[in-house]
PDB file of N, CA and C in Angstrom:
ATOM      1  N   MET A   1       2.580  -9.719  13.704  1.00  0.00           N
ATOM      2  CA  MET A   1       2.620  -8.183  13.599  1.00  0.00           C
ATOM      3  C   MET A   1       4.140  -7.729  13.329  1.00  0.00           C
ATOM      4  N   LYS A   2       5.006  -8.496  13.899  1.00  0.00           N
ATOM      5  CA  LYS A   2       6.584  -8.504  13.692  1.00  0.00           C
ATOM      6  C   LYS A   2       6.951  -8.621  12.044  1.00  0.00           C
ATOM      7  N   ARG A   3       6.256  -9.518  11.600  1.00  0.00           N
ATOM      8  CA  ARG A   3       6.661  -9.777   9.893  1.00  0.00           C
ATOM      9  C   ARG A   3       6.066  -8.600   9.236  1.00  0.00           C
ATOM     10  N   GLN A   4       5.048  -8.386   9.729  1.00  0.00           N
ATOM     11  CA  GLN A   4       4.241  -7.021   9.138  1.00  0.00           C
ATOM     12  C   GLN A   4       5.201  -5.727   8.973  1.00  0.00           C
ATOM     13  N   ILE A   5       5.603  -5.393  10.327  1.00  0.00           N
ATOM     14  CA  ILE A   5       6.457  -4.273  10.401  1.00  0.00           C
ATOM     15  C   ILE A   5       7.879  -4.510   9.366  1.00  0.00           C
ATOM     16  N   LEU A   6       8.481  -5.577   9.438  1.00  0.00           N
ATOM     17  CA  LEU A   6       9.658  -5.798   8.640  1.00  0.00           C
ATOM     18  C   LEU A   6       9.245  -5.716   7.114  1.00  0.00           C
ATOM     19  N   THR A   7       8.281  -6.442   6.705  1.00  0.00           N
ATOM     20  CA  THR A   7       7.861  -6.222   5.407  1.00  0.00           C
ATOM     21  C   THR A   7       7.394  -5.038   4.902  1.00  0.00           C
ATOM     22  N   PHE A   8       6.736  -4.122   5.881  1.00  0.00           N
ATOM     23  CA  PHE A   8       6.275  -2.819   5.639  1.00  0.00           C
ATOM     24  C   PHE A   8       7.817  -1.981   5.394  1.00  0.00           C
ATOM     25  N   ALA A   9       8.787  -2.070   6.283  1.00  0.00           N
ATOM     26  CA  ALA A   9      10.026  -1.567   6.066  1.00  0.00           C
ATOM     27  C   ALA A   9      10.490  -1.960   4.829  1.00  0.00           C
ATOM     28  N   LEU A  10      10.697  -2.963   4.395  1.00  0.00           N
ATOM     29  CA  LEU A  10      11.268  -3.431   3.118  1.00  0.00           C
ATOM     30  C   LEU A  10      10.475  -2.756   1.942  1.00  0.00           C
ATOM     31  N   VAL A  11       9.281  -2.953   1.975  1.00  0.00           N
ATOM     32  CA  VAL A  11       8.370  -2.299   1.020  1.00  0.00           C
ATOM     33  C   VAL A  11       8.670  -0.698   0.996  1.00  0.00           C
ATOM     34  N   GLY A  12       8.775  -0.208   1.917  1.00  0.00           N
ATOM     35  CA  GLY A  12       9.316   1.329   2.167  1.00  0.00           C
ATOM     36  C   GLY A  12      10.611   1.504   1.748  1.00  0.00           C
ATOM     37  N   VAL A  13      11.610   0.567   1.603  1.00  0.00           N
ATOM     38  CA  VAL A  13      12.677   0.822   1.054  1.00  0.00           C
ATOM     39  C   VAL A  13      12.578   0.870  -0.569  1.00  0.00           C
ATOM     40  N   ILE A  14      11.918  -0.145  -0.975  1.00  0.00           N
ATOM     41  CA  ILE A  14      11.694  -0.401  -2.300  1.00  0.00           C
ATOM     42  C   ILE A  14      10.891   0.900  -2.822  1.00  0.00           C
ATOM     43  N   ASN A  15       9.870   1.495  -2.065  1.00  0.00           N
ATOM     44  CA  ASN A  15       9.022   2.558  -2.504  1.00  0.00           C
ATOM     45  C   ASN A  15       9.966   3.775  -2.445  1.00  0.00           C
ATOM     46  N   THR A  16      10.562   3.915  -1.499  1.00  0.00           N
ATOM     47  CA  THR A  16      11.506   5.005  -1.491  1.00  0.00           C
ATOM     48  C   THR A  16      12.583   5.134  -2.610  1.00  0.00           C
ATOM     49  N   ALA A  17      12.992   3.904  -2.795  1.00  0.00           N
ATOM     50  CA  ALA A  17      14.117   4.083  -4.003  1.00  0.00           C
ATOM     51  C   ALA A  17      13.248   4.237  -5.377  1.00  0.00           C
ATOM     52  N   THR A  18      11.969   3.735  -5.673  1.00  0.00           N
ATOM     53  CA  THR A  18      11.346   4.206  -6.731  1.00  0.00           C
ATOM     54  C   THR A  18      10.919   5.493  -6.657  1.00  0.00           C
ATOM     55  N   TYR A  19      10.396   5.997  -5.584  1.00  0.00           N
ATOM     56  CA  TYR A  19      10.296   7.529  -5.442  1.00  0.00           C
ATOM     57  C   TYR A  19      11.533   8.462  -5.806  1.00  0.00           C
ATOM     58  N   TYR A  20      12.580   8.234  -5.231  1.00  0.00           N
ATOM     59  CA  TYR A  20      13.694   9.011  -5.304  1.00  0.00           C
ATOM     60  C   TYR A  20      14.257   8.936  -6.721  1.00  0.00           C
ATOM     61  N   CYS A  21      14.152   7.617  -7.391  1.00  0.00           N
ATOM     62  CA  CYS A  21      14.396   7.708  -8.874  1.00  0.00           C
ATOM     63  C   CYS A  21      13.698   8.577  -9.706  1.00  0.00           C
ATOM     64  N   LEU A  22      12.388   8.195  -9.577  1.00  0.00           N
ATOM     65  CA  LEU A  22      11.478   9.152 -10.223  1.00  0.00           C
ATOM     66  C   LEU A  22      11.589  10.701  -9.965  1.00  0.00           C
ATOM     67  N   TYR A  23      12.075  11.132  -8.654  1.00  0.00           N
ATOM     68  CA  TYR A  23      12.123  12.348  -8.281  1.00  0.00           C
ATOM     69  C   TYR A  23      13.335  13.014  -9.052  1.00  0.00           C
ATOM     70  N   LEU A  24      14.454  12.201  -9.112  1.00  0.00           N
ATOM     71  CA  LEU A  24      15.477  12.634  -9.838  1.00  0.00           C
ATOM     72  C   LEU A  24      15.099  12.837 -11.269  1.00  0.00           C
ATOM     73  N   LEU A  25      14.585  12.060 -11.916  1.00  0.00           N
ATOM     74  CA  LEU A  25      14.183  11.967 -13.300  1.00  0.00           C
ATOM     75  C   LEU A  25      13.372  13.228 -13.581  1.00  0.00           C
ATOM     76  N   PHE A  26      12.296  13.421 -12.900  1.00  0.00           N
ATOM     77  CA  PHE A  26      11.388  14.675 -12.904  1.00  0.00           C
ATOM     78  C   PHE A  26      12.118  15.886 -12.614  1.00  0.00           C
ATOM     79  N   LEU A  27      13.046  15.940 -11.665  1.00  0.00           N
ATOM     80  CA  LEU A  27      13.726  16.958 -11.309  1.00  0.00           C
ATOM     81  C   LEU A  27      14.509  17.626 -12.571  1.00  0.00           C
ATOM     82  N   ALA A  28      14.840  16.788 -13.424  1.00  0.00           N
ATOM     83  CA  ALA A  28      15.664  17.347 -14.550  1.00  0.00           C
ATOM     84  C   ALA A  28      14.592  18.283 -15.524  1.00  0.00           C
ATOM     85  N   TRP A  29      13.296  18.210 -15.431  1.00  0.00           N
ATOM     86  CA  TRP A  29      12.555  19.190 -16.096  1.00  0.00           C
ATOM     87  C   TRP A  29      11.428  19.893 -15.439  1.00  0.00           C
ATOM     88  N   LEU A  30      11.267  19.558 -13.997  1.00  0.00           N
ATOM     89  CA  LEU A  30      10.212  20.188 -13.109  1.00  0.00           C
ATOM     90  C   LEU A  30      11.013  20.824 -12.044  1.00  0.00           C
ATOM     91  N   PRO A  31      10.271  21.836 -11.528  1.00  0.00           N
ATOM     92  CA  PRO A  31      10.823  22.487 -10.215  1.00  0.00           C
ATOM     93  C   PRO A  31      10.698  21.511  -9.062  1.00  0.00           C
ATOM     94  N   TYR A  32      11.492  21.489  -8.060  1.00  0.00           N
ATOM     95  CA  TYR A  32      11.525  20.587  -7.400  1.00  0.00           C
ATOM     96  C   TYR A  32      10.190  20.022  -6.379  1.00  0.00           C
ATOM     97  N   LEU A  33       9.508  20.916  -6.172  1.00  0.00           N
ATOM     98  CA  LEU A  33       8.053  20.725  -5.361  1.00  0.00           C
ATOM     99  C   LEU A  33       7.229  19.916  -6.467  1.00  0.00           C
ATOM    100  N   ALA A  34       7.088  20.273  -7.782  1.00  0.00           N
ATOM    101  CA  ALA A  34       6.376  19.529  -8.707  1.00  0.00           C
ATOM    102  C   ALA A  34       6.949  18.216  -8.844  1.00  0.00           C
ATOM    103  N   ALA A  35       8.236  18.012  -9.020  1.00  0.00           N
ATOM    104  CA  ALA A  35       8.943  16.731  -9.139  1.00  0.00           C
ATOM    105  C   ALA A  35       8.407  15.870  -7.934  1.00  0.00           C
ATOM    106  N   HIS A  36       8.552  16.336  -6.580  1.00  0.00           N
ATOM    107  CA  HIS A  36       8.335  15.576  -5.373  1.00  0.00           C
ATOM    108  C   HIS A  36       6.914  15.196  -5.361  1.00  0.00           C
ATOM    109  N   ILE A  37       5.935  16.248  -5.990  1.00  0.00           N
ATOM    110  CA  ILE A  37       4.643  15.489  -5.752  1.00  0.00           C
ATOM    111  C   ILE A  37       4.210  14.497  -6.872  1.00  0.00           C
ATOM    112  N   LEU A  38       4.838  14.717  -8.027  1.00  0.00           N
ATOM    113  CA  LEU A  38       4.542  13.548  -9.105  1.00  0.00           C
ATOM    114  C   LEU A  38       5.297  12.449  -8.689  1.00  0.00           C
ATOM    115  N   ALA A  39       6.376  12.403  -8.247  1.00  0.00           N
ATOM    116  CA  ALA A  39       7.054  11.168  -7.894  1.00  0.00           C
ATOM    117  C   ALA A  39       6.335  10.449  -6.571  1.00  0.00           C
ATOM    118  N   PHE A  40       5.843  11.380  -5.707  1.00  0.00           N
ATOM    119  CA  PHE A  40       5.322  10.672  -4.474  1.00  0.00           C
ATOM    120  C   PHE A  40       3.900  10.109  -5.206  1.00  0.00           C
ATOM    121  N   ALA A  41       3.109  10.676  -5.935  1.00  0.00           N
ATOM    122  CA  ALA A  41       1.862  10.244  -6.282  1.00  0.00           C
ATOM    123  C   ALA A  41       2.169   8.736  -6.985  1.00  0.00           C
ATOM    124  N   LEU A  42       3.010   8.763  -7.884  1.00  0.00           N
ATOM    125  CA  LEU A  42       3.331   7.673  -8.759  1.00  0.00           C
ATOM    126  C   LEU A  42       3.705   6.399  -7.750  1.00  0.00           C
ATOM    127  N   SER A  43       4.676   6.570  -6.853  1.00  0.00           N
ATOM    128  CA  SER A  43       5.225   5.766  -6.082  1.00  0.00           C
ATOM    129  C   SER A  43       4.303   5.152  -5.042  1.00  0.00           C
ATOM    130  N   MET A  44       3.375   5.997  -4.655  1.00  0.00           N
ATOM    131  CA  MET A  44       2.148   5.491  -3.648  1.00  0.00           C
ATOM    132  C   MET A  44       1.376   4.248  -4.494  1.00  0.00           C
ATOM    133  N   VAL A  45       1.184   4.589  -5.804  1.00  0.00           N
ATOM    134  CA  VAL A  45       0.259   3.365  -6.338  1.00  0.00           C
ATOM    135  C   VAL A  45       1.169   1.919  -6.091  1.00  0.00           C
ATOM    136  N   GLY A  46       2.394   2.183  -6.468  1.00  0.00           N
ATOM    137  CA  GLY A  46       3.344   1.115  -6.210  1.00  0.00           C
ATOM    138  C   GLY A  46       3.223   0.468  -4.754  1.00  0.00           C
ATOM    139  N   SER A  47       3.356   1.206  -3.901  1.00  0.00           N
ATOM    140  CA  SER A  47       3.397   1.168  -2.521  1.00  0.00           C
ATOM    141  C   SER A  47       2.015   0.286  -2.199  1.00  0.00           C
ATOM    142  N   PHE A  48       0.823   0.823  -2.772  1.00  0.00           N
ATOM    143  CA  PHE A  48      -0.336   0.103  -2.389  1.00  0.00           C
ATOM    144  C   PHE A  48      -0.454  -1.533  -2.822  1.00  0.00           C
ATOM    145  N   PHE A  49       0.083  -1.585  -3.912  1.00  0.00           N
ATOM    146  CA  PHE A  49       0.186  -3.112  -4.390  1.00  0.00           C
ATOM    147  C   PHE A  49       1.246  -4.015  -3.654  1.00  0.00           C
ATOM    148  N   LEU A  50       2.400  -3.342  -3.622  1.00  0.00           N
ATOM    149  CA  LEU A  50       3.237  -4.039  -2.833  1.00  0.00           C
ATOM    150  C   LEU A  50       2.905  -4.550  -1.430  1.00  0.00           C
ATOM    151  N   ASN A  51       2.210  -3.185  -0.666  1.00  0.00           N
ATOM    152  CA  ASN A  51       1.682  -3.672   0.632  1.00  0.00           C
ATOM    153  C   ASN A  51       0.560  -4.695   0.798  1.00  0.00           C
ATOM    154  N   ALA A  52      -0.302  -4.389  -0.069  1.00  0.00           N
ATOM    155  CA  ALA A  52      -1.412  -5.513  -0.246  1.00  0.00           C
ATOM    156  C   ALA A  52      -0.833  -6.755  -0.342  1.00  0.00           C
ATOM    157  N   ARG A  53      -0.038  -7.104  -1.216  1.00  0.00           N
ATOM    158  CA  ARG A  53       0.346  -8.357  -1.629  1.00  0.00           C
ATOM    159  C   ARG A  53       1.467  -8.913  -0.477  1.00  0.00           C
ATOM    160  N   PHE A  54       2.486  -8.123  -0.046  1.00  0.00           N
ATOM    161  CA  PHE A  54       3.484  -8.641   0.709  1.00  0.00           C
ATOM    162  C   PHE A  54       3.261  -8.395   2.134  1.00  0.00           C
ATOM    163  N   THR A  55       2.986  -7.349   2.489  1.00  0.00           N
ATOM    164  CA  THR A  55       2.981  -6.872   3.826  1.00  0.00           C
ATOM    165  C   THR A  55       1.601  -7.405   4.655  1.00  0.00           C
ATOM    166  N   TYR A  56       0.428  -7.239   3.876  1.00  0.00           N
ATOM    167  CA  TYR A  56      -0.962  -7.669   4.621  1.00  0.00           C
ATOM    168  C   TYR A  56      -1.311  -8.902   4.040  1.00  0.00           C
ATOM    169  N   ARG A  57      -0.955  -9.292   2.991  1.00  0.00           N
ATOM    170  CA  ARG A  57      -1.358 -10.643   2.252  1.00  0.00           C
ATOM    171  C   ARG A  57      -2.973 -10.442   2.085  1.00  0.00           C
ATOM    172  N   ILE A  58      -3.309  -9.276   1.493  1.00  0.00           N
ATOM    173  CA  ILE A  58      -4.752  -9.199   1.162  1.00  0.00           C
ATOM    174  C   ILE A  58      -4.910  -8.962  -0.350  1.00  0.00           C
ATOM    175  N   ARG A  59      -6.275  -9.025  -0.799  1.00  0.00           N
ATOM    176  CA  ARG A  59      -6.527  -8.804  -2.204  1.00  0.00           C
ATOM    177  C   ARG A  59      -6.702  -7.638  -2.293  1.00  0.00           C
ATOM    178  N   PRO A  60      -6.117  -6.805  -3.176  1.00  0.00           N
ATOM    179  CA  PRO A  60      -6.421  -5.444  -3.742  1.00  0.00           C
ATOM    180  C   PRO A  60      -7.944  -5.194  -3.903  1.00  0.00           C
ATOM    181  N   THR A  61      -8.356  -4.187  -3.373  1.00  0.00           N
ATOM    182  CA  THR A  61      -9.913  -3.747  -3.770  1.00  0.00           C
ATOM    183  C   THR A  61      -9.572  -2.267  -4.275  1.00  0.00           C
ATOM    184  N   TRP A  62     -10.794  -1.977  -4.953  1.00  0.00           N
ATOM    185  CA  TRP A  62     -11.037  -0.407  -5.130  1.00  0.00           C
ATOM    186  C   TRP A  62     -11.191   0.240  -3.984  1.00  0.00           C
ATOM    187  N   ARG A  63     -11.956  -0.021  -3.172  1.00  0.00           N
ATOM    188  CA  ARG A  63     -12.021   0.498  -1.852  1.00  0.00           C
ATOM    189  C   ARG A  63     -10.883   0.880  -1.205  1.00  0.00           C
ATOM    190  N   LYS A  64     -10.105  -0.232  -1.183  1.00  0.00           N
ATOM    191  CA  LYS A  64      -8.839  -0.124  -0.134  1.00  0.00           C
ATOM    192  C   LYS A  64      -7.989   0.964  -1.119  1.00  0.00           C
ATOM    193  N   PHE A  65      -7.824   0.641  -2.340  1.00  0.00           N
ATOM    194  CA  PHE A  65      -7.008   1.681  -3.153  1.00  0.00           C
ATOM    195  C   PHE A  65      -7.422   2.993  -3.105  1.00  0.00           C
ATOM    196  N   LEU A  66      -8.487   3.375  -3.089  1.00  0.00           N
ATOM    197  CA  LEU A  66      -9.205   4.691  -2.802  1.00  0.00           C
ATOM    198  C   LEU A  66      -8.907   5.139  -1.379  1.00  0.00           C
ATOM    199  N   LEU A  67      -8.912   4.347  -0.492  1.00  0.00           N
ATOM    200  CA  LEU A  67      -8.695   4.918   0.741  1.00  0.00           C
ATOM    201  C   LEU A  67      -6.972   4.803   1.299  1.00  0.00           C
ATOM    202  N   PHE A  68      -6.114   4.210   0.345  1.00  0.00           N
ATOM    203  CA  PHE A  68      -4.746   4.047   0.589  1.00  0.00           C
ATOM    204  C   PHE A  68      -4.110   5.352   0.740  1.00  0.00           C
ATOM    205  N   PRO A  69      -4.573   6.384  -0.163  1.00  0.00           N
ATOM    206  CA  PRO A  69      -3.839   7.685  -0.163  1.00  0.00           C
ATOM    207  C   PRO A  69      -3.968   8.351   1.364  1.00  0.00           C
ATOM    208  N   LEU A  70      -5.085   7.970   2.258  1.00  0.00           N
ATOM    209  CA  LEU A  70      -5.025   8.417   3.666  1.00  0.00           C
ATOM    210  C   LEU A  70      -3.841   7.991   4.190  1.00  0.00           C
ATOM    211  N   THR A  71      -3.318   6.790   4.031  1.00  0.00           N
ATOM    212  CA  THR A  71      -1.995   6.399   4.900  1.00  0.00           C
ATOM    213  C   THR A  71      -0.782   7.077   4.479  1.00  0.00           C
ATOM    214  N   ASN A  72      -1.026   7.954   3.530  1.00  0.00           N
ATOM    215  CA  ASN A  72       0.133   9.043   3.188  1.00  0.00           C
ATOM    216  C   ASN A  72      -0.131  10.243   3.344  1.00  0.00           C
ATOM    217  N   VAL A  73      -1.337  10.774   3.909  1.00  0.00           N
ATOM    218  CA  VAL A  73      -1.561  12.097   3.996  1.00  0.00           C
ATOM    219  C   VAL A  73      -0.463  12.678   4.860  1.00  0.00           C
ATOM    220  N   THR A  74      -0.148  11.986   5.998  1.00  0.00           N
ATOM    221  CA  THR A  74       0.818  12.520   7.074  1.00  0.00           C
ATOM    222  C   THR A  74       2.215  12.610   6.483  1.00  0.00           C
ATOM    223  N   ASN A  75       2.461  11.363   5.816  1.00  0.00           N
ATOM    224  CA  ASN A  75       3.698  11.192   5.368  1.00  0.00           C
ATOM    225  C   ASN A  75       3.868  12.366   4.264  1.00  0.00           C
ATOM    226  N   PHE A  76       2.960  12.538   3.391  1.00  0.00           N
ATOM    227  CA  PHE A  76       3.157  13.570   2.536  1.00  0.00           C
ATOM    228  C   PHE A  76       3.088  15.095   2.979  1.00  0.00           C
ATOM    229  N   LEU A  77       2.486  15.388   4.064  1.00  0.00           N
ATOM    230  CA  LEU A  77       2.525  16.584   4.719  1.00  0.00           C
ATOM    231  C   LEU A  77       3.937  16.834   5.467  1.00  0.00           C
ATOM    232  N   ILE A  78       4.366  15.661   6.148  1.00  0.00           N
ATOM    233  CA  ILE A  78       5.711  15.939   6.755  1.00  0.00           C
ATOM    234  C   ILE A  78       6.894  16.021   5.625  1.00  0.00           C
ATOM    235  N   THR A  79       6.838  15.100   4.643  1.00  0.00           N
ATOM    236  CA  THR A  79       7.897  15.284   3.646  1.00  0.00           C
ATOM    237  C   THR A  79       7.734  16.378   3.005  1.00  0.00           C
ATOM    238  N   THR A  80       6.837  16.673   2.520  1.00  0.00           N
ATOM    239  CA  THR A  80       6.640  18.163   1.675  1.00  0.00           C
ATOM    240  C   THR A  80       7.125  19.357   2.561  1.00  0.00           C
ATOM    241  N   ALA A  81       6.682  19.341   3.773  1.00  0.00           N
ATOM    242  CA  ALA A  81       7.040  20.401   4.695  1.00  0.00           C
ATOM    243  C   ALA A  81       8.685  20.260   4.938  1.00  0.00           C
ATOM    244  N   GLY A  82       8.909  18.927   5.169  1.00  0.00           N
ATOM    245  CA  GLY A  82      10.466  18.977   5.453  1.00  0.00           C
ATOM    246  C   GLY A  82      11.391  19.279   4.271  1.00  0.00           C
ATOM    247  N   VAL A  83      11.094  19.091   2.923  1.00  0.00           N
ATOM    248  CA  VAL A  83      11.585  19.306   1.770  1.00  0.00           C
ATOM    249  C   VAL A  83      11.710  20.883   1.532  1.00  0.00           C
ATOM    250  N   TYR A  84      10.665  21.344   1.993  1.00  0.00           N
ATOM    251  CA  TYR A  84      10.592  22.859   1.971  1.00  0.00           C
ATOM    252  C   TYR A  84      11.511  23.572   2.957  1.00  0.00           C
ATOM    253  N   VAL A  85      11.549  23.093   4.026  1.00  0.00           N
ATOM    254  CA  VAL A  85      12.364  23.603   4.971  1.00  0.00           C
ATOM    255  C   VAL A  85      13.969  23.369   4.760  1.00  0.00           C
ATOM    256  N   ILE A  86      14.281  22.112   4.334  1.00  0.00           N
ATOM    257  CA  ILE A  86      15.646  21.687   3.821  1.00  0.00           C
ATOM    258  C   ILE A  86      16.074  22.642   2.759  1.00  0.00           C
ATOM    259  N   VAL A  87      15.346  22.623   1.759  1.00  0.00           N
ATOM    260  CA  VAL A  87      15.515  23.309   0.424  1.00  0.00           C
ATOM    261  C   VAL A  87      15.632  24.882   0.645  1.00  0.00           C
ATOM    262  N   ASP A  88      14.516  25.458   1.138  1.00  0.00           N
ATOM    263  CA  ASP A  88      14.407  26.898   0.985  1.00  0.00           C
ATOM    264  C   ASP A  88      14.894  27.437   2.274  1.00  0.00           C
ATOM    265  N   VAL A  89      14.759  26.985   3.461  1.00  0.00           N
ATOM    266  CA  VAL A  89      14.941  27.738   4.708  1.00  0.00           C
ATOM    267  C   VAL A  89      16.442  27.159   4.947  1.00  0.00           C
ATOM    268  N   LEU A  90      16.965  26.071   5.145  1.00  0.00           N
ATOM    269  CA  LEU A  90      18.258  25.649   5.411  1.00  0.00           C
ATOM    270  C   LEU A  90      19.066  25.817   4.126  1.00  0.00           C
ATOM    271  N   HIS A  91      18.659  25.823   2.943  1.00  0.00           N
ATOM    272  CA  HIS A  91      19.544  25.841   1.746  1.00  0.00           C
ATOM    273  C   HIS A  91      20.597  24.800   1.637  1.00  0.00           C
ATOM    274  N   ALA A  92      19.981  23.595   1.962  1.00  0.00           N
ATOM    275  CA  ALA A  92      20.854  22.518   1.992  1.00  0.00           C
ATOM    276  C   ALA A  92      20.831  21.780   0.607  1.00  0.00           C
ATOM    277  N   GLY A  93      19.996  22.168  -0.366  1.00  0.00           N
ATOM    278  CA  GLY A  93      19.991  21.596  -1.713  1.00  0.00           C
ATOM    279  C   GLY A  93      18.680  20.470  -1.944  1.00  0.00           C
ATOM    280  N   SER A  94      18.342  20.404  -2.957  1.00  0.00           N
ATOM    281  CA  SER A  94      17.199  19.666  -3.314  1.00  0.00           C
ATOM    282  C   SER A  94      17.273  18.029  -3.536  1.00  0.00           C
ATOM    283  N   ARG A  95      18.675  17.787  -3.776  1.00  0.00           N
ATOM    284  CA  ARG A  95      19.025  16.205  -4.255  1.00  0.00           C
ATOM    285  C   ARG A  95      18.547  15.303  -3.142  1.00  0.00           C
ATOM    286  N   PHE A  96      18.832  15.558  -1.909  1.00  0.00           N
ATOM    287  CA  PHE A  96      18.776  14.574  -0.954  1.00  0.00           C
ATOM    288  C   PHE A  96      17.693  15.036   0.159  1.00  0.00           C
ATOM    289  N   ALA A  97      16.997  16.193   0.028  1.00  0.00           N
ATOM    290  CA  ALA A  97      16.192  16.529   0.874  1.00  0.00           C
ATOM    291  C   ALA A  97      15.010  15.697   1.115  1.00  0.00           C
ATOM    292  N   PRO A  98      14.421  15.024  -0.096  1.00  0.00           N
ATOM    293  CA  PRO A  98      13.233  14.251   0.252  1.00  0.00           C
ATOM    294  C   PRO A  98      13.654  12.839   1.117  1.00  0.00           C
ATOM    295  N   LEU A  99      14.833  12.354   1.081  1.00  0.00           N
ATOM    296  CA  LEU A  99      15.260  11.048   1.712  1.00  0.00           C
ATOM    297  C   LEU A  99      15.511  11.678   3.367  1.00  0.00           C
ATOM    298  N   VAL A 100      15.840  12.900   3.559  1.00  0.00           N
ATOM    299  CA  VAL A 100      16.017  13.016   4.827  1.00  0.00           C
ATOM    300  C   VAL A 100      14.715  13.490   5.468  1.00  0.00           C
ATOM    301  N   ALA A 101      13.962  14.130   4.642  1.00  0.00           N
ATOM    302  CA  ALA A 101      12.714  14.618   5.095  1.00  0.00           C
ATOM    303  C   ALA A 101      11.737  13.315   5.529  1.00  0.00           C
ATOM    304  N   SER A 102      11.683  12.263   4.869  1.00  0.00           N
ATOM    305  CA  SER A 102      10.961  11.097   4.911  1.00  0.00           C
ATOM    306  C   SER A 102      10.876  10.379   6.134  1.00  0.00           C
ATOM    307  N   ALA A 103      11.978  10.329   6.615  1.00  0.00           N
ATOM    308  CA  ALA A 103      12.391   9.312   7.911  1.00  0.00           C
ATOM    309  C   ALA A 103      11.217   9.600   9.119  1.00  0.00           C
ATOM    310  N   ALA A 104      10.753  10.880   9.309  1.00  0.00           N
ATOM    311  CA  ALA A 104      10.018  11.007  10.495  1.00  0.00           C
ATOM    312  C   ALA A 104       8.739  10.744  10.354  1.00  0.00           C
ATOM    313  N   ALA A 105       8.120  10.261   9.191  1.00  0.00           N
ATOM    314  CA  ALA A 105       6.725  10.005   8.797  1.00  0.00           C
ATOM    315  C   ALA A 105       6.584   8.374   8.875  1.00  0.00           C
ATOM    316  N   ILE A 106       7.589   7.481   8.949  1.00  0.00           N
ATOM    317  CA  ILE A 106       7.451   6.329   8.709  1.00  0.00           C
ATOM    318  C   ILE A 106       6.559   5.575   9.813  1.00  0.00           C
ATOM    319  N   PRO A 107       6.667   5.715  11.108  1.00  0.00           N
ATOM    320  CA  PRO A 107       5.798   5.242  12.095  1.00  0.00           C
ATOM    321  C   PRO A 107       4.494   5.486  11.986  1.00  0.00           C
ATOM    322  N   VAL A 108       4.108   6.729  11.712  1.00  0.00           N
ATOM    323  CA  VAL A 108       2.682   7.109  11.537  1.00  0.00           C
ATOM    324  C   VAL A 108       2.044   6.326  10.362  1.00  0.00           C
ATOM    325  N   THR A 109       2.885   6.341   9.393  1.00  0.00           N
ATOM    326  CA  THR A 109       2.239   5.820   8.205  1.00  0.00           C
ATOM    327  C   THR A 109       1.816   4.252   8.316  1.00  0.00           C
ATOM    328  N   PHE A 110       2.908   3.580   8.906  1.00  0.00           N
ATOM    329  CA  PHE A 110       2.420   2.176   9.222  1.00  0.00           C
ATOM    330  C   PHE A 110       1.338   2.002   9.980  1.00  0.00           C
ATOM    331  N   VAL A 111       1.103   2.663  10.951  1.00  0.00           N
ATOM    332  CA  VAL A 111      -0.068   2.583  11.872  1.00  0.00           C
ATOM    333  C   VAL A 111      -1.572   2.827  10.922  1.00  0.00           C
ATOM    334  N   VAL A 112      -1.315   3.964  10.160  1.00  0.00           N
ATOM    335  CA  VAL A 112      -2.485   4.455   9.358  1.00  0.00           C
ATOM    336  C   VAL A 112      -2.779   3.351   8.196  1.00  0.00           C
ATOM    337  N   SER A 113      -1.560   2.758   7.694  1.00  0.00           N
ATOM    338  CA  SER A 113      -1.814   1.801   6.518  1.00  0.00           C
ATOM    339  C   SER A 113      -2.266   0.437   7.202  1.00  0.00           C
ATOM    340  N   ARG A 114      -2.022   0.013   8.463  1.00  0.00           N
ATOM    341  CA  ARG A 114      -2.612  -1.084   8.827  1.00  0.00           C
ATOM    342  C   ARG A 114      -3.927  -0.876   9.129  1.00  0.00           C
ATOM    343  N   TRP A 115      -4.513   0.159   9.698  1.00  0.00           N
ATOM    344  CA  TRP A 115      -5.876   0.467   9.804  1.00  0.00           C
ATOM    345  C   TRP A 115      -6.851   0.615   8.521  1.00  0.00           C
ATOM    346  N   VAL A 116      -5.944   1.133   7.457  1.00  0.00           N
ATOM    347  CA  VAL A 116      -6.949   1.191   6.342  1.00  0.00           C
ATOM    348  C   VAL A 116      -6.921  -0.320   5.501  1.00  0.00           C
ATOM    349  N   MET A 117      -5.969  -0.942   5.662  1.00  0.00           N
ATOM    350  CA  MET A 117      -5.605  -2.390   4.923  1.00  0.00           C
ATOM    351  C   MET A 117      -6.300  -3.512   5.315  1.00  0.00           C
ATOM    352  N   LEU A 118      -6.275  -3.477   6.760  1.00  0.00           N
ATOM    353  CA  LEU A 118      -6.764  -4.778   7.594  1.00  0.00           C
ATOM    354  C   LEU A 118      -8.258  -4.511   8.007  1.00  0.00           C
ATOM    355  N   PRO A 119      -9.058  -5.627   7.972  1.00  0.00           N
ATOM    356  CA  PRO A 119     -10.386  -5.563   8.747  1.00  0.00           C
ATOM    357  C   PRO A 119     -10.225  -5.142  10.074  1.00  0.00           C
ATOM    358  N   ARG A 120     -11.396  -4.298  10.458  1.00  0.00           N
ATOM    359  CA  ARG A 120     -11.211  -3.510  11.695  1.00  0.00           C
ATOM    360  C   ARG A 120     -10.878  -4.713  13.042  1.00  0.00           C
ATOM    361  N   SER A 121     -11.400  -5.831  12.941  1.00  0.00           N
ATOM    362  CA  SER A 121     -11.383  -6.525  14.036  1.00  0.00           C
ATOM    363  C   SER A 121      -9.733  -7.245  14.152  1.00  0.00           C
ATOM    364  N   ILE A 122      -8.752  -7.012  12.960  1.00  0.00           N
ATOM    365  CA  ILE A 122      -7.476  -7.353  13.080  1.00  0.00           C
ATOM    366  C   ILE A 122      -6.626  -6.527  13.492  1.00  0.00           C
ATOM    367  N   ALA A 123      -6.850  -5.310  12.965  1.00  0.00           N
ATOM    368  CA  ALA A 123      -6.137  -3.977  13.278  1.00  0.00           C
ATOM    369  C   ALA A 123      -6.289  -3.572  14.510  1.00  0.00           C
TER     370      ALA A 123
END
């Protein structure tokens, strides 16, 4: 489990970097919430395959792929609300808002991800 947590964290760093690069790219021509949603959805696909291969060492299946977004529902809700609060309530700017907002959801995302990706007897 310790290896899984460390690998999950490393995949999370890679996923966050991918997300953030996509977010900045899309931010050039989309409103910040649209940029956030599109970047989030695309980086989630990459996260699924990286976690399947490296974190849980399982074969990706359509079933797991279709269930994987459940692992990010809490993450998505927390980060989206966080981005909104940081940008519209605190007026702190949209450039770094997603990075700040995403930190709170990481532990919950790991627990749900493990539940979805591994057989019930292991999780």
